[in-house]
Amino acid sequence: MRDCKLFAPGLEGRGCIAEKSKLQISNSTFQGTNNSAVWAKFASLVYLKGVHIEDCGGYGAIYCTNGASISVESCEQEANPRGCGVFVLHEQSRVNLNNSSFNRNKWSGFGCRWSGGGVITNCSYDSNGQGAWAIRKSTIKDVIRENNKVTNDFTDEEMKNVAFLFVDPLNTAVVERGLTSRGLSVERARELVDGERRMREATRYDAKFLYSKEGGRKLDK
């Protein structure tokens, strides 16, 4: 699928669903789907390149479940009014995100739980309501993040405090007991959490100078 524009308004409107299949999408736009723009499930392989996704809902505008794999290269996703930019769910579900942006989502830019995982490199996350990352403790070991940029995190104070949606690895017992079912020792868990704290401190420091306190407006450098 390439050079396409897809609009799917309506209560059950979706973009593309890949089930036990292979799908490549390039240079295309998804806009206004009430549910996910792209949903891959049951061992599907999906590749997105140069795709723009806007105002698409669901748990994730890009949604990976039931052991599927999604690769995202040079894409732009923004404004999921009900969920995350990318959401990964279930064991063996994996995403590979590179050189892409995930902005202005109601929940987080990236969400992962129930043994999902992925590699996120050279991506940017801006103005996400519940912060850039919503990584459940069972997946902290399987989510690799390198050279990503986060700005204006936690724009929705109410969502910031909704702990039942995503349990933050910083607020769990993982640093006290490790996670033996995932092969994660106490020492390694503490290293991961310390790294998470440093990343968030750097995010807050950057945001202080990139944004004003009035409405998150970007300041001139």
Protein backbone atom coordinates (compact mmCIF):
# COMPACT_ATOMS: atom_id res chain seq x y z
CA MET A 1 0.00 0.00 0.00
CA ARG A 2 1.55 3.32 -1.02
CA ASP A 3 0.65 6.91 -1.83
CA CYS A 4 -2.78 6.54 -0.22
CA LYS A 5 -5.01 8.65 2.02
CA LEU A 6 -7.35 6.86 4.38
CA PHE A 7 -10.13 8.45 6.41
CA ALA A 8 -12.41 6.27 8.57
CA PRO A 9 -14.81 8.25 10.77
CA GLY A 10 -17.46 6.47 12.80
CA LEU A 11 -17.62 4.51 16.05
CA GLU A 12 -15.89 1.37 14.74
CA GLY A 13 -13.77 3.06 12.09
CA ARG A 14 -10.24 1.66 11.72
CA GLY A 15 -7.41 2.03 9.29
CA CYS A 16 -5.61 -1.22 8.35
CA ILE A 17 -5.72 -4.52 10.25
CA ALA A 18 -3.08 -7.17 9.59
CA GLU A 19 -3.92 -10.64 10.93
CA LYS A 20 -1.45 -13.47 10.23
CA SER A 21 -0.25 -11.50 7.24
CA LYS A 22 2.44 -9.17 5.84
CA LEU A 23 1.77 -5.53 5.11
CA GLN A 24 3.94 -2.68 3.81
CA ILE A 25 2.67 0.92 3.84
CA SER A 26 4.64 3.87 2.47
CA ASN A 27 4.08 7.57 1.77
CA SER A 28 0.50 7.44 3.00
CA THR A 29 -1.78 9.30 5.41
CA PHE A 30 -4.25 7.99 8.00
CA GLN A 31 -6.55 10.54 9.55
CA GLY A 32 -9.58 10.55 11.81
CA THR A 33 -10.02 6.83 12.46
CA ASN A 34 -11.92 6.32 15.69
CA ASN A 35 -9.78 3.27 16.44
CA SER A 36 -6.19 2.39 15.53
CA ALA A 37 -4.77 3.52 12.20
CA VAL A 38 -2.70 0.31 11.99
CA TRP A 39 -3.33 -2.82 14.06
CA ALA A 40 -1.04 -5.84 13.64
CA LYS A 41 -1.90 -9.09 15.42
CA PHE A 42 -1.23 -12.83 15.42
CA ALA A 43 2.31 -13.06 14.05
CA SER A 44 1.78 -10.42 11.37
CA LEU A 45 4.71 -8.44 9.97
CA VAL A 46 4.03 -4.77 9.24
CA TYR A 47 6.40 -2.13 7.87
CA LEU A 48 5.57 1.58 7.80
CA LYS A 49 7.74 4.16 6.06
CA GLY A 50 6.97 7.82 5.44
CA VAL A 51 3.47 7.46 6.92
CA HIS A 52 1.57 10.32 8.59
CA ILE A 53 -1.01 9.38 11.25
CA GLU A 54 -3.23 12.05 12.82
CA ASP A 55 -6.30 12.02 15.09
CA CYS A 56 -6.48 8.23 15.10
CA GLY A 57 -7.67 6.57 18.31
CA GLY A 58 -7.67 3.22 20.08
CA TYR A 59 -5.25 2.01 22.76
CA GLY A 60 -2.55 2.86 20.23
CA ALA A 61 -2.78 4.72 16.94
CA ILE A 62 -0.19 2.10 16.00
CA TYR A 63 -1.21 -1.08 17.82
CA CYS A 64 0.85 -4.29 18.03
CA THR A 65 -0.63 -7.37 19.75
CA ASN A 66 -0.67 -11.18 19.93
CA GLY A 67 2.91 -11.75 18.80
CA ALA A 68 2.96 -9.38 15.82
CA SER A 69 5.89 -7.19 14.70
CA ILE A 70 5.75 -3.61 13.45
CA SER A 71 8.66 -1.59 12.04
CA VAL A 72 8.24 2.18 11.77
CA GLU A 73 10.70 4.31 9.80
CA SER A 74 10.53 8.08 9.23
CA CYS A 75 6.88 8.41 10.25
CA GLU A 76 4.85 11.08 12.04
CA GLN A 77 2.10 10.24 14.49
CA GLU A 78 0.13 12.80 16.47
CA ALA A 79 -3.00 13.44 18.49
CA ASN A 80 -4.51 10.14 19.56
CA PRO A 81 -7.49 11.55 21.48
CA ARG A 82 -8.00 8.41 23.60
CA GLY A 83 -4.75 6.47 23.93
CA CYS A 84 -1.04 6.16 23.07
CA GLY A 85 0.91 6.87 19.93
CA VAL A 86 2.24 3.30 19.87
CA PHE A 87 0.96 0.51 22.10
CA VAL A 88 2.57 -2.96 22.37
CA LEU A 89 0.73 -5.78 24.07
CA HIS A 90 1.32 -9.50 24.72
CA GLU A 91 4.33 -11.81 24.70
CA GLN A 92 6.49 -11.77 21.55
CA SER A 93 4.81 -8.60 20.25
CA ARG A 94 7.63 -6.32 19.14
CA VAL A 95 8.08 -2.91 17.52
CA ASN A 96 11.11 -1.27 15.96
CA LEU A 97 10.73 2.52 15.82
CA ASN A 98 13.34 4.72 14.17
CA ASN A 99 13.59 8.37 13.14
CA SER A 100 9.91 9.03 13.86
CA SER A 101 7.82 11.36 16.02
CA PHE A 102 4.95 10.67 18.43
CA ASN A 103 3.31 13.83 19.72
CA ARG A 104 0.27 15.24 21.53
CA ASN A 105 -1.35 11.97 22.57
CA LYS A 106 -3.92 11.70 25.36
CA TRP A 107 -1.95 8.97 27.12
CA SER A 108 1.72 8.35 26.31
CA GLY A 109 3.81 8.43 23.18
CA PHE A 110 4.80 4.81 23.74
CA GLY A 111 2.99 2.23 25.86
CA CYS A 112 4.04 -1.35 26.56
CA ARG A 113 2.74 -4.07 28.87
CA TRP A 114 2.00 -7.80 29.22
CA SER A 115 5.47 -8.88 28.01
CA GLY A 116 5.58 -6.74 24.87
CA GLY A 117 8.85 -5.10 23.84
CA GLY A 118 10.75 -3.17 21.22
CA VAL A 119 13.64 -0.98 20.13
CA ILE A 120 13.15 2.79 19.89
CA THR A 121 15.95 4.88 18.37
CA ASN A 122 16.31 8.45 17.10
CA CYS A 123 12.66 9.28 17.82
CA SER A 124 11.04 12.35 19.35
CA TYR A 125 8.16 12.63 21.81
CA ASP A 126 6.49 15.96 22.49
CA SER A 127 3.52 17.09 24.61
CA ASN A 128 2.14 13.66 25.50
CA GLY A 129 -0.48 13.78 28.24
CA GLN A 130 0.86 10.93 30.37
CA GLY A 131 4.48 11.38 29.37
CA ALA A 132 6.59 9.87 26.63
CA TRP A 133 6.89 6.40 28.15
CA ALA A 134 4.34 4.10 29.79
CA ILE A 135 6.37 0.93 30.29
CA ARG A 136 4.96 -1.74 32.59
CA LYS A 137 7.45 -3.41 34.94
CA SER A 138 7.16 -6.77 33.14
CA THR A 139 8.54 -5.16 29.96
CA ILE A 140 11.23 -2.82 31.25
CA LYS A 141 13.93 -5.35 30.35
CA ASP A 142 12.67 -5.76 26.79
CA VAL A 143 12.32 -2.12 25.76
CA ILE A 144 15.56 -0.61 24.43
CA ARG A 145 15.70 3.18 24.00
CA GLU A 146 18.62 5.04 22.44
CA ASN A 147 19.12 8.61 21.23
CA ASN A 148 15.51 9.72 21.65
CA LYS A 149 14.34 13.23 22.50
CA VAL A 150 11.50 14.03 24.92
CA THR A 151 10.06 17.54 25.37
CA ASN A 152 7.15 19.06 27.28
CA ASP A 153 6.32 15.80 29.06
CA PHE A 154 3.14 15.21 31.11
CA THR A 155 0.90 17.92 29.69
CA ASP A 156 -2.19 16.40 31.33
CA GLU A 157 -1.92 16.60 35.13
CA GLU A 158 -4.95 14.35 35.62
CA MET A 159 -3.50 11.61 33.41
CA LYS A 160 -0.19 11.89 35.22
CA ASN A 161 -1.84 10.60 38.37
CA VAL A 162 -3.94 7.76 36.90
CA ALA A 163 -1.81 4.89 38.17
CA PHE A 164 -4.25 2.11 37.29
CA LEU A 165 -3.75 2.64 33.55
CA PHE A 166 -0.01 2.02 33.49
CA VAL A 167 2.09 1.08 36.49
CA ASP A 168 5.29 3.07 36.29
CA PRO A 169 8.46 0.97 36.82
CA LEU A 170 9.68 3.66 39.21
CA ASN A 171 6.70 3.00 41.51
CA THR A 172 6.82 -0.81 41.70
CA ALA A 173 8.66 -3.35 43.80
CA VAL A 174 10.88 -4.28 40.86
CA VAL A 175 13.86 -2.48 42.46
CA GLU A 176 13.37 -4.43 45.68
CA ARG A 177 12.81 -7.94 44.34
CA GLY A 178 13.88 -7.82 40.73
CA LEU A 179 11.75 -9.71 38.25
CA THR A 180 12.88 -13.31 38.25
CA SER A 181 10.25 -14.44 35.76
CA ARG A 182 11.91 -12.16 33.19
CA GLY A 183 15.50 -12.94 34.20
CA LEU A 184 15.90 -9.52 35.80
CA SER A 185 18.07 -9.38 38.91
CA VAL A 186 17.71 -6.77 41.65
CA GLU A 187 21.02 -5.20 40.59
CA ARG A 188 20.04 -4.95 36.95
CA ALA A 189 16.58 -3.64 37.88
CA ARG A 190 18.16 -0.87 39.91
CA GLU A 191 20.46 0.03 37.02
CA LEU A 192 17.48 0.29 34.66
CA VAL A 193 15.48 2.40 37.10
CA ASP A 194 18.44 4.69 37.82
CA GLY A 195 18.81 5.19 34.07
CA GLU A 196 15.10 5.98 33.83
CA ARG A 197 15.41 8.60 36.56
CA ARG A 198 18.37 10.24 34.82
CA MET A 199 16.48 10.27 31.52
CA ARG A 200 13.49 11.96 33.13
CA GLU A 201 15.64 14.51 34.92
CA ALA A 202 17.26 15.41 31.59
CA THR A 203 13.81 15.73 30.04
CA ARG A 204 12.67 18.17 32.71
CA TYR A 205 15.88 20.17 32.33
CA ASP A 206 15.43 20.45 28.55
CA ALA A 207 11.78 21.37 28.89
CA LYS A 208 12.63 24.22 31.26
CA PHE A 209 14.58 25.99 28.54
CA LEU A 210 12.59 24.93 25.48
CA TYR A 211 9.15 25.84 26.78
CA SER A 212 7.55 28.67 28.71
CA LYS A 213 5.31 27.97 31.68
CA GLU A 214 2.34 29.51 29.89
CA GLY A 215 0.78 26.78 27.78
CA GLY A 216 3.98 25.01 26.76
CA ARG A 217 4.84 27.55 24.04
CA LYS A 218 8.23 27.02 22.44
CA LEU A 219 10.75 29.73 23.19
CA ASP A 220 13.24 31.12 20.76
CA LYS A 221 16.72 29.83 21.38
